[in-house]
PDB file of N, CA and C in Angstrom:
ATOM      1  N   UNK A   1      62.938   5.670 -15.306  1.00  0.00           N
ATOM      2  CA  UNK A   1      62.421   6.801 -16.228  1.00  0.00           C
ATOM      3  C   UNK A   1      60.994   7.180 -15.209  1.00  0.00           C
ATOM      4  N   UNK A   2      61.144   8.739 -15.059  1.00  0.00           N
ATOM      5  CA  UNK A   2      59.917   8.868 -14.070  1.00  0.00           C
ATOM      6  C   UNK A   2      58.906   9.113 -15.017  1.00  0.00           C
ATOM      7  N   UNK A   3      57.560   8.979 -14.423  1.00  0.00           N
ATOM      8  CA  UNK A   3      56.496   9.099 -15.150  1.00  0.00           C
ATOM      9  C   UNK A   3      55.550   9.998 -14.371  1.00  0.00           C
ATOM     10  N   UNK A   4      54.420  10.276 -14.802  1.00  0.00           N
ATOM     11  CA  UNK A   4      53.238  10.998 -14.190  1.00  0.00           C
ATOM     12  C   UNK A   4      53.053  10.465 -12.921  1.00  0.00           C
ATOM     13  N   UNK A   5      52.787   9.092 -12.698  1.00  0.00           N
ATOM     14  CA  UNK A   5      52.431   8.636 -11.442  1.00  0.00           C
ATOM     15  C   UNK A   5      53.578   8.355 -10.353  1.00  0.00           C
ATOM     16  N   UNK A   6      54.656   8.524 -10.699  1.00  0.00           N
ATOM     17  CA  UNK A   6      56.118   8.467 -10.063  1.00  0.00           C
ATOM     18  C   UNK A   6      55.793   9.023  -8.478  1.00  0.00           C
ATOM     19  N   UNK A   7      55.293  10.383  -8.683  1.00  0.00           N
ATOM     20  CA  UNK A   7      55.123  10.940  -7.270  1.00  0.00           C
ATOM     21  C   UNK A   7      54.195  10.207  -6.448  1.00  0.00           C
ATOM     22  N   UNK A   8      53.088   9.438  -6.972  1.00  0.00           N
ATOM     23  CA  UNK A   8      52.290   8.584  -6.064  1.00  0.00           C
ATOM     24  C   UNK A   8      52.983   7.212  -5.573  1.00  0.00           C
ATOM     25  N   UNK A   9      53.892   6.882  -6.575  1.00  0.00           N
ATOM     26  CA  UNK A   9      54.503   5.807  -5.959  1.00  0.00           C
ATOM     27  C   UNK A   9      55.415   6.251  -4.753  1.00  0.00           C
ATOM     28  N   UNK A  10      56.212   7.324  -5.158  1.00  0.00           N
ATOM     29  CA  UNK A  10      57.016   7.630  -3.945  1.00  0.00           C
ATOM     30  C   UNK A  10      56.358   8.095  -2.596  1.00  0.00           C
ATOM     31  N   UNK A  11      55.217   8.698  -2.783  1.00  0.00           N
ATOM     32  CA  UNK A  11      54.333   8.764  -1.734  1.00  0.00           C
ATOM     33  C   UNK A  11      54.097   7.534  -0.768  1.00  0.00           C
ATOM     34  N   UNK A  12      53.644   6.563  -1.702  1.00  0.00           N
ATOM     35  CA  UNK A  12      53.333   5.494  -0.883  1.00  0.00           C
ATOM     36  C   UNK A  12      54.430   4.898  -0.278  1.00  0.00           C
ATOM     37  N   UNK A  13      55.370   4.843  -0.821  1.00  0.00           N
ATOM     38  CA  UNK A  13      56.911   4.034  -0.505  1.00  0.00           C
ATOM     39  C   UNK A  13      57.275   4.980   0.809  1.00  0.00           C
ATOM     40  N   UNK A  14      56.875   6.257   1.045  1.00  0.00           N
ATOM     41  CA  UNK A  14      57.019   7.017   2.136  1.00  0.00           C
ATOM     42  C   UNK A  14      56.274   6.806   3.372  1.00  0.00           C
ATOM     43  N   UNK A  15      55.110   5.902   3.113  1.00  0.00           N
ATOM     44  CA  UNK A  15      54.236   6.107   4.258  1.00  0.00           C
ATOM     45  C   UNK A  15      55.112   4.985   5.368  1.00  0.00           C
ATOM     46  N   UNK A  16      54.460   5.153   6.637  1.00  0.00           N
ATOM     47  CA  UNK A  16      55.320   4.144   7.789  1.00  0.00           C
ATOM     48  C   UNK A  16      54.916   2.722   7.541  1.00  0.00           C
ATOM     49  N   UNK A  17      55.844   1.827   7.545  1.00  0.00           N
ATOM     50  CA  UNK A  17      55.806   0.426   7.259  1.00  0.00           C
ATOM     51  C   UNK A  17      54.592  -0.111   8.178  1.00  0.00           C
ATOM     52  N   UNK A  18      54.403   0.395   9.096  1.00  0.00           N
ATOM     53  CA  UNK A  18      53.157  -0.070   9.928  1.00  0.00           C
ATOM     54  C   UNK A  18      51.837   0.202   9.573  1.00  0.00           C
ATOM     55  N   UNK A  19      51.692   1.153   8.594  1.00  0.00           N
ATOM     56  CA  UNK A  19      50.425   1.802   8.037  1.00  0.00           C
ATOM     57  C   UNK A  19      49.868   0.896   7.114  1.00  0.00           C
ATOM     58  N   UNK A  20      49.021   0.044   7.294  1.00  0.00           N
ATOM     59  CA  UNK A  20      48.432  -0.988   6.326  1.00  0.00           C
ATOM     60  C   UNK A  20      47.354  -0.385   5.317  1.00  0.00           C
ATOM     61  N   UNK A  21      46.995   0.730   5.507  1.00  0.00           N
ATOM     62  CA  UNK A  21      46.081   1.264   4.696  1.00  0.00           C
ATOM     63  C   UNK A  21      45.840   2.835   4.584  1.00  0.00           C
ATOM     64  N   UNK A  22      45.500   3.284   3.578  1.00  0.00           N
ATOM     65  CA  UNK A  22      45.448   4.517   3.452  1.00  0.00           C
ATOM     66  C   UNK A  22      44.201   4.968   2.488  1.00  0.00           C
ATOM     67  N   UNK A  23      43.429   6.052   2.740  1.00  0.00           N
ATOM     68  CA  UNK A  23      42.574   6.659   1.974  1.00  0.00           C
ATOM     69  C   UNK A  23      42.830   7.899   1.514  1.00  0.00           C
ATOM     70  N   UNK A  24      42.720   7.949   0.171  1.00  0.00           N
ATOM     71  CA  UNK A  24      42.987   9.348  -0.637  1.00  0.00           C
ATOM     72  C   UNK A  24      42.061   9.650  -1.362  1.00  0.00           C
ATOM     73  N   UNK A  25      41.844  11.098  -1.341  1.00  0.00           N
ATOM     74  CA  UNK A  25      40.565  11.478  -2.275  1.00  0.00           C
ATOM     75  C   UNK A  25      41.262  11.496  -3.808  1.00  0.00           C
ATOM     76  N   UNK A  26      40.660  11.756  -4.647  1.00  0.00           N
ATOM     77  CA  UNK A  26      41.044  11.949  -5.948  1.00  0.00           C
ATOM     78  C   UNK A  26      41.745  13.122  -6.023  1.00  0.00           C
ATOM     79  N   UNK A  27      41.410  14.319  -5.536  1.00  0.00           N
ATOM     80  CA  UNK A  27      41.850  15.678  -5.205  1.00  0.00           C
ATOM     81  C   UNK A  27      43.463  15.332  -4.540  1.00  0.00           C
ATOM     82  N   UNK A  28      43.494  14.629  -3.510  1.00  0.00           N
ATOM     83  CA  UNK A  28      44.799  14.324  -2.951  1.00  0.00           C
ATOM     84  C   UNK A  28      45.877  13.772  -3.788  1.00  0.00           C
ATOM     85  N   UNK A  29      45.168  12.758  -4.796  1.00  0.00           N
ATOM     86  CA  UNK A  29      46.102  12.150  -5.674  1.00  0.00           C
ATOM     87  C   UNK A  29      46.670  13.128  -6.459  1.00  0.00           C
ATOM     88  N   UNK A  30      45.645  14.149  -7.213  1.00  0.00           N
ATOM     89  CA  UNK A  30      45.945  14.930  -8.071  1.00  0.00           C
ATOM     90  C   UNK A  30      47.062  15.860  -7.731  1.00  0.00           C
ATOM     91  N   UNK A  31      46.938  16.232  -6.395  1.00  0.00           N
ATOM     92  CA  UNK A  31      47.964  17.215  -5.996  1.00  0.00           C
ATOM     93  C   UNK A  31      49.248  16.435  -5.644  1.00  0.00           C
ATOM     94  N   UNK A  32      49.480  15.253  -5.326  1.00  0.00           N
ATOM     95  CA  UNK A  32      50.588  14.322  -5.376  1.00  0.00           C
ATOM     96  C   UNK A  32      51.294  14.293  -6.502  1.00  0.00           C
ATOM     97  N   UNK A  33      50.334  14.107  -7.583  1.00  0.00           N
ATOM     98  CA  UNK A  33      51.018  14.097  -8.904  1.00  0.00           C
ATOM     99  C   UNK A  33      51.146  15.206  -9.642  1.00  0.00           C
ATOM    100  N   UNK A  34      50.573  16.423  -8.989  1.00  0.00           N
ATOM    101  CA  UNK A  34      50.713  17.628  -9.801  1.00  0.00           C
ATOM    102  C   UNK A  34      49.922  17.692 -11.131  1.00  0.00           C
ATOM    103  N   UNK A  35      48.839  16.911 -11.227  1.00  0.00           N
ATOM    104  CA  UNK A  35      48.322  16.986 -12.589  1.00  0.00           C
ATOM    105  C   UNK A  35      46.802  16.402 -12.239  1.00  0.00           C
ATOM    106  N   UNK A  36      46.116  16.360 -13.202  1.00  0.00           N
ATOM    107  CA  UNK A  36      44.527  16.014 -13.108  1.00  0.00           C
ATOM    108  C   UNK A  36      44.613  14.521 -13.552  1.00  0.00           C
ATOM    109  N   UNK A  37      43.721  13.770 -12.709  1.00  0.00           N
ATOM    110  CA  UNK A  37      43.550  12.554 -13.144  1.00  0.00           C
ATOM    111  C   UNK A  37      42.546  12.538 -14.443  1.00  0.00           C
ATOM    112  N   UNK A  38      42.750  11.310 -15.311  1.00  0.00           N
ATOM    113  CA  UNK A  38      42.053  11.368 -16.586  1.00  0.00           C
ATOM    114  C   UNK A  38      40.512  11.161 -16.182  1.00  0.00           C
ATOM    115  N   UNK A  39      39.583  11.428 -17.178  1.00  0.00           N
ATOM    116  CA  UNK A  39      38.302  11.293 -16.772  1.00  0.00           C
ATOM    117  C   UNK A  39      37.906   9.859 -16.441  1.00  0.00           C
ATOM    118  N   UNK A  40      38.485   8.947 -17.076  1.00  0.00           N
ATOM    119  CA  UNK A  40      38.106   7.536 -16.848  1.00  0.00           C
ATOM    120  C   UNK A  40      38.443   7.254 -15.424  1.00  0.00           C
ATOM    121  N   UNK A  41      39.288   7.998 -14.648  1.00  0.00           N
ATOM    122  CA  UNK A  41      39.632   7.482 -13.144  1.00  0.00           C
ATOM    123  C   UNK A  41      38.149   7.925 -12.437  1.00  0.00           C
ATOM    124  N   UNK A  42      37.398   8.866 -13.025  1.00  0.00           N
ATOM    125  CA  UNK A  42      36.361   9.300 -12.247  1.00  0.00           C
ATOM    126  C   UNK A  42      35.036   8.550 -12.436  1.00  0.00           C
ATOM    127  N   UNK A  43      35.310   7.844 -13.676  1.00  0.00           N
ATOM    128  CA  UNK A  43      34.296   7.004 -14.164  1.00  0.00           C
ATOM    129  C   UNK A  43      34.342   5.354 -14.058  1.00  0.00           C
ATOM    130  N   UNK A  44      35.445   4.845 -14.188  1.00  0.00           N
ATOM    131  CA  UNK A  44      35.631   3.322 -14.116  1.00  0.00           C
ATOM    132  C   UNK A  44      36.506   2.648 -13.582  1.00  0.00           C
ATOM    133  N   UNK A  45      35.639   1.832 -12.885  1.00  0.00           N
ATOM    134  CA  UNK A  45      36.555   0.893 -11.876  1.00  0.00           C
ATOM    135  C   UNK A  45      37.753   0.286 -12.520  1.00  0.00           C
ATOM    136  N   UNK A  46      37.828  -0.047 -13.894  1.00  0.00           N
ATOM    137  CA  UNK A  46      38.910  -0.780 -14.669  1.00  0.00           C
ATOM    138  C   UNK A  46      40.105   0.296 -14.362  1.00  0.00           C
ATOM    139  N   UNK A  47      40.047   1.531 -14.205  1.00  0.00           N
ATOM    140  CA  UNK A  47      41.109   2.470 -14.118  1.00  0.00           C
ATOM    141  C   UNK A  47      41.690   2.194 -12.791  1.00  0.00           C
ATOM    142  N   UNK A  48      41.274   1.618 -11.787  1.00  0.00           N
ATOM    143  CA  UNK A  48      41.966   1.459 -10.546  1.00  0.00           C
ATOM    144  C   UNK A  48      42.190  -0.231 -10.453  1.00  0.00           C
ATOM    145  N   UNK A  49      42.132  -0.857 -11.382  1.00  0.00           N
ATOM    146  CA  UNK A  49      42.479  -2.105 -11.428  1.00  0.00           C
ATOM    147  C   UNK A  49      44.110  -2.580 -10.910  1.00  0.00           C
ATOM    148  N   UNK A  50      44.238  -3.629 -10.179  1.00  0.00           N
ATOM    149  CA  UNK A  50      45.518  -3.904  -9.603  1.00  0.00           C
ATOM    150  C   UNK A  50      46.116  -4.909 -10.789  1.00  0.00           C
ATOM    151  N   UNK A  51      46.898  -4.199 -11.585  1.00  0.00           N
ATOM    152  CA  UNK A  51      47.960  -5.006 -12.568  1.00  0.00           C
ATOM    153  C   UNK A  51      49.189  -4.610 -12.527  1.00  0.00           C
ATOM    154  N   UNK A  52      50.067  -5.473 -12.850  1.00  0.00           N
ATOM    155  CA  UNK A  52      51.434  -5.114 -12.892  1.00  0.00           C
ATOM    156  C   UNK A  52      51.964  -5.036 -14.416  1.00  0.00           C
ATOM    157  N   UNK A  53      51.228  -5.565 -15.186  1.00  0.00           N
ATOM    158  CA  UNK A  53      51.686  -5.698 -16.540  1.00  0.00           C
ATOM    159  C   UNK A  53      50.679  -4.881 -17.217  1.00  0.00           C
ATOM    160  N   UNK A  54      50.863  -4.494 -18.500  1.00  0.00           N
ATOM    161  CA  UNK A  54      50.057  -3.796 -19.305  1.00  0.00           C
ATOM    162  C   UNK A  54      50.473  -2.434 -19.488  1.00  0.00           C
ATOM    163  N   UNK A  55      49.446  -1.618 -19.871  1.00  0.00           N
ATOM    164  CA  UNK A  55      49.670  -0.250 -20.206  1.00  0.00           C
ATOM    165  C   UNK A  55      49.149   0.793 -19.140  1.00  0.00           C
ATOM    166  N   UNK A  56      48.675   0.195 -18.088  1.00  0.00           N
ATOM    167  CA  UNK A  56      48.284   1.147 -16.927  1.00  0.00           C
ATOM    168  C   UNK A  56      49.301   1.651 -15.918  1.00  0.00           C
ATOM    169  N   UNK A  57      50.127   2.659 -16.433  1.00  0.00           N
ATOM    170  CA  UNK A  57      51.052   3.253 -15.647  1.00  0.00           C
ATOM    171  C   UNK A  57      50.780   3.493 -14.133  1.00  0.00           C
ATOM    172  N   UNK A  58      49.487   3.891 -14.055  1.00  0.00           N
ATOM    173  CA  UNK A  58      49.011   4.348 -12.748  1.00  0.00           C
ATOM    174  C   UNK A  58      48.998   2.955 -11.884  1.00  0.00           C
ATOM    175  N   UNK A  59      48.510   2.050 -12.458  1.00  0.00           N
ATOM    176  CA  UNK A  59      48.478   0.658 -11.550  1.00  0.00           C
ATOM    177  C   UNK A  59      49.882   0.194 -11.189  1.00  0.00           C
ATOM    178  N   UNK A  60      50.669   0.530 -11.940  1.00  0.00           N
ATOM    179  CA  UNK A  60      52.311   0.309 -11.554  1.00  0.00           C
ATOM    180  C   UNK A  60      52.756   1.111 -10.743  1.00  0.00           C
ATOM    181  N   UNK A  61      52.248   1.953 -10.457  1.00  0.00           N
ATOM    182  CA  UNK A  61      52.858   3.024  -9.332  1.00  0.00           C
ATOM    183  C   UNK A  61      52.371   2.417  -8.022  1.00  0.00           C
ATOM    184  N   UNK A  62      51.173   2.200  -7.888  1.00  0.00           N
ATOM    185  CA  UNK A  62      51.040   1.510  -6.585  1.00  0.00           C
ATOM    186  C   UNK A  62      51.310   0.094  -6.255  1.00  0.00           C
ATOM    187  N   UNK A  63      51.250  -0.618  -7.365  1.00  0.00           N
ATOM    188  CA  UNK A  63      51.896  -2.094  -7.423  1.00  0.00           C
ATOM    189  C   UNK A  63      53.520  -2.104  -6.874  1.00  0.00           C
ATOM    190  N   UNK A  64      54.010  -1.146  -7.829  1.00  0.00           N
ATOM    191  CA  UNK A  64      55.684  -1.202  -7.421  1.00  0.00           C
ATOM    192  C   UNK A  64      55.970  -0.598  -6.082  1.00  0.00           C
ATOM    193  N   UNK A  65      55.125   0.198  -5.394  1.00  0.00           N
ATOM    194  CA  UNK A  65      55.201   0.659  -3.939  1.00  0.00           C
ATOM    195  C   UNK A  65      54.758  -0.559  -3.204  1.00  0.00           C
ATOM    196  N   UNK A  66      54.074  -1.468  -3.418  1.00  0.00           N
ATOM    197  CA  UNK A  66      53.753  -2.537  -2.578  1.00  0.00           C
ATOM    198  C   UNK A  66      52.231  -2.566  -2.177  1.00  0.00           C
ATOM    199  N   UNK A  67      51.429  -1.679  -2.866  1.00  0.00           N
ATOM    200  CA  UNK A  67      50.070  -1.298  -2.523  1.00  0.00           C
ATOM    201  C   UNK A  67      49.110  -1.782  -3.430  1.00  0.00           C
ATOM    202  N   UNK A  68      47.743  -2.224  -3.337  1.00  0.00           N
ATOM    203  CA  UNK A  68      46.872  -2.303  -4.166  1.00  0.00           C
ATOM    204  C   UNK A  68      45.523  -1.457  -3.746  1.00  0.00           C
ATOM    205  N   UNK A  69      44.541  -1.320  -4.690  1.00  0.00           N
ATOM    206  CA  UNK A  69      43.399  -0.548  -4.545  1.00  0.00           C
ATOM    207  C   UNK A  69      42.589  -1.455  -4.031  1.00  0.00           C
ATOM    208  N   UNK A  70      41.963  -1.369  -2.763  1.00  0.00           N
ATOM    209  CA  UNK A  70      40.800  -2.187  -2.186  1.00  0.00           C
ATOM    210  C   UNK A  70      39.534  -1.778  -2.571  1.00  0.00           C
ATOM    211  N   UNK A  71      39.376  -0.571  -2.585  1.00  0.00           N
ATOM    212  CA  UNK A  71      37.931  -0.209  -3.081  1.00  0.00           C
ATOM    213  C   UNK A  71      38.127   1.495  -3.613  1.00  0.00           C
ATOM    214  N   UNK A  72      36.905   1.642  -4.116  1.00  0.00           N
ATOM    215  CA  UNK A  72      36.705   3.044  -4.774  1.00  0.00           C
ATOM    216  C   UNK A  72      35.466   3.690  -4.621  1.00  0.00           C
ATOM    217  N   UNK A  73      35.253   4.739  -4.094  1.00  0.00           N
ATOM    218  CA  UNK A  73      34.049   5.459  -3.847  1.00  0.00           C
ATOM    219  C   UNK A  73      33.873   6.498  -5.070  1.00  0.00           C
ATOM    220  N   UNK A  74      33.122   6.327  -6.192  1.00  0.00           N
ATOM    221  CA  UNK A  74      33.181   7.172  -6.911  1.00  0.00           C
ATOM    222  C   UNK A  74      32.060   8.376  -6.745  1.00  0.00           C
ATOM    223  N   UNK A  75      31.204   8.163  -5.750  1.00  0.00           N
ATOM    224  CA  UNK A  75      30.322   9.302  -5.067  1.00  0.00           C
ATOM    225  C   UNK A  75      31.072  10.291  -4.478  1.00  0.00           C
ATOM    226  N   UNK A  76      31.848   9.729  -3.618  1.00  0.00           N
ATOM    227  CA  UNK A  76      32.715  10.602  -2.570  1.00  0.00           C
ATOM    228  C   UNK A  76      34.083  10.848  -3.093  1.00  0.00           C
ATOM    229  N   UNK A  77      34.422  10.142  -4.535  1.00  0.00           N
ATOM    230  CA  UNK A  77      35.878  10.578  -4.924  1.00  0.00           C
ATOM    231  C   UNK A  77      36.934  10.090  -3.963  1.00  0.00           C
ATOM    232  N   UNK A  78      37.019   8.748  -3.387  1.00  0.00           N
ATOM    233  CA  UNK A  78      37.941   8.273  -2.540  1.00  0.00           C
ATOM    234  C   UNK A  78      38.345   6.991  -3.060  1.00  0.00           C
ATOM    235  N   UNK A  79      39.786   6.717  -2.836  1.00  0.00           N
ATOM    236  CA  UNK A  79      40.242   5.394  -3.148  1.00  0.00           C
ATOM    237  C   UNK A  79      40.790   4.916  -1.818  1.00  0.00           C
ATOM    238  N   UNK A  80      40.403   3.677  -1.489  1.00  0.00           N
ATOM    239  CA  UNK A  80      41.354   3.143  -0.481  1.00  0.00           C
ATOM    240  C   UNK A  80      42.271   1.963  -0.752  1.00  0.00           C
ATOM    241  N   UNK A  81      43.417   2.262  -0.447  1.00  0.00           N
ATOM    242  CA  UNK A  81      44.594   1.252  -0.683  1.00  0.00           C
ATOM    243  C   UNK A  81      44.916   0.682   0.302  1.00  0.00           C
ATOM    244  N   UNK A  82      45.440  -0.499   0.320  1.00  0.00           N
ATOM    245  CA  UNK A  82      45.966  -1.450   1.286  1.00  0.00           C
ATOM    246  C   UNK A  82      47.221  -2.088   0.827  1.00  0.00           C
ATOM    247  N   UNK A  83      48.044  -2.315   1.964  1.00  0.00           N
ATOM    248  CA  UNK A  83      49.249  -3.058   1.605  1.00  0.00           C
ATOM    249  C   UNK A  83      49.115  -4.419   0.951  1.00  0.00           C
ATOM    250  N   UNK A  84      49.950  -4.638  -0.287  1.00  0.00           N
ATOM    251  CA  UNK A  84      49.715  -5.809  -0.970  1.00  0.00           C
ATOM    252  C   UNK A  84      50.436  -7.059  -0.346  1.00  0.00           C
TER     253      UNK A  84
END
């Protein structure tokens, strides 16, 4: 079942296997998913948590692709992901 964050999962899966990190702006993520991120993504670290279970479909998208969020810069609106 395709969800809002499926394009992000596909984007991460499409990165070269030897690429071990990627920094994406919130705006880039919004372009990838063709939708705005929720306000909580701009405010709360918990939105970026690395969990495979639960209701956070956003976290499942990067986890399913084999990535995890390493850090988030809320001032610069950047997320750094690394291969899990």
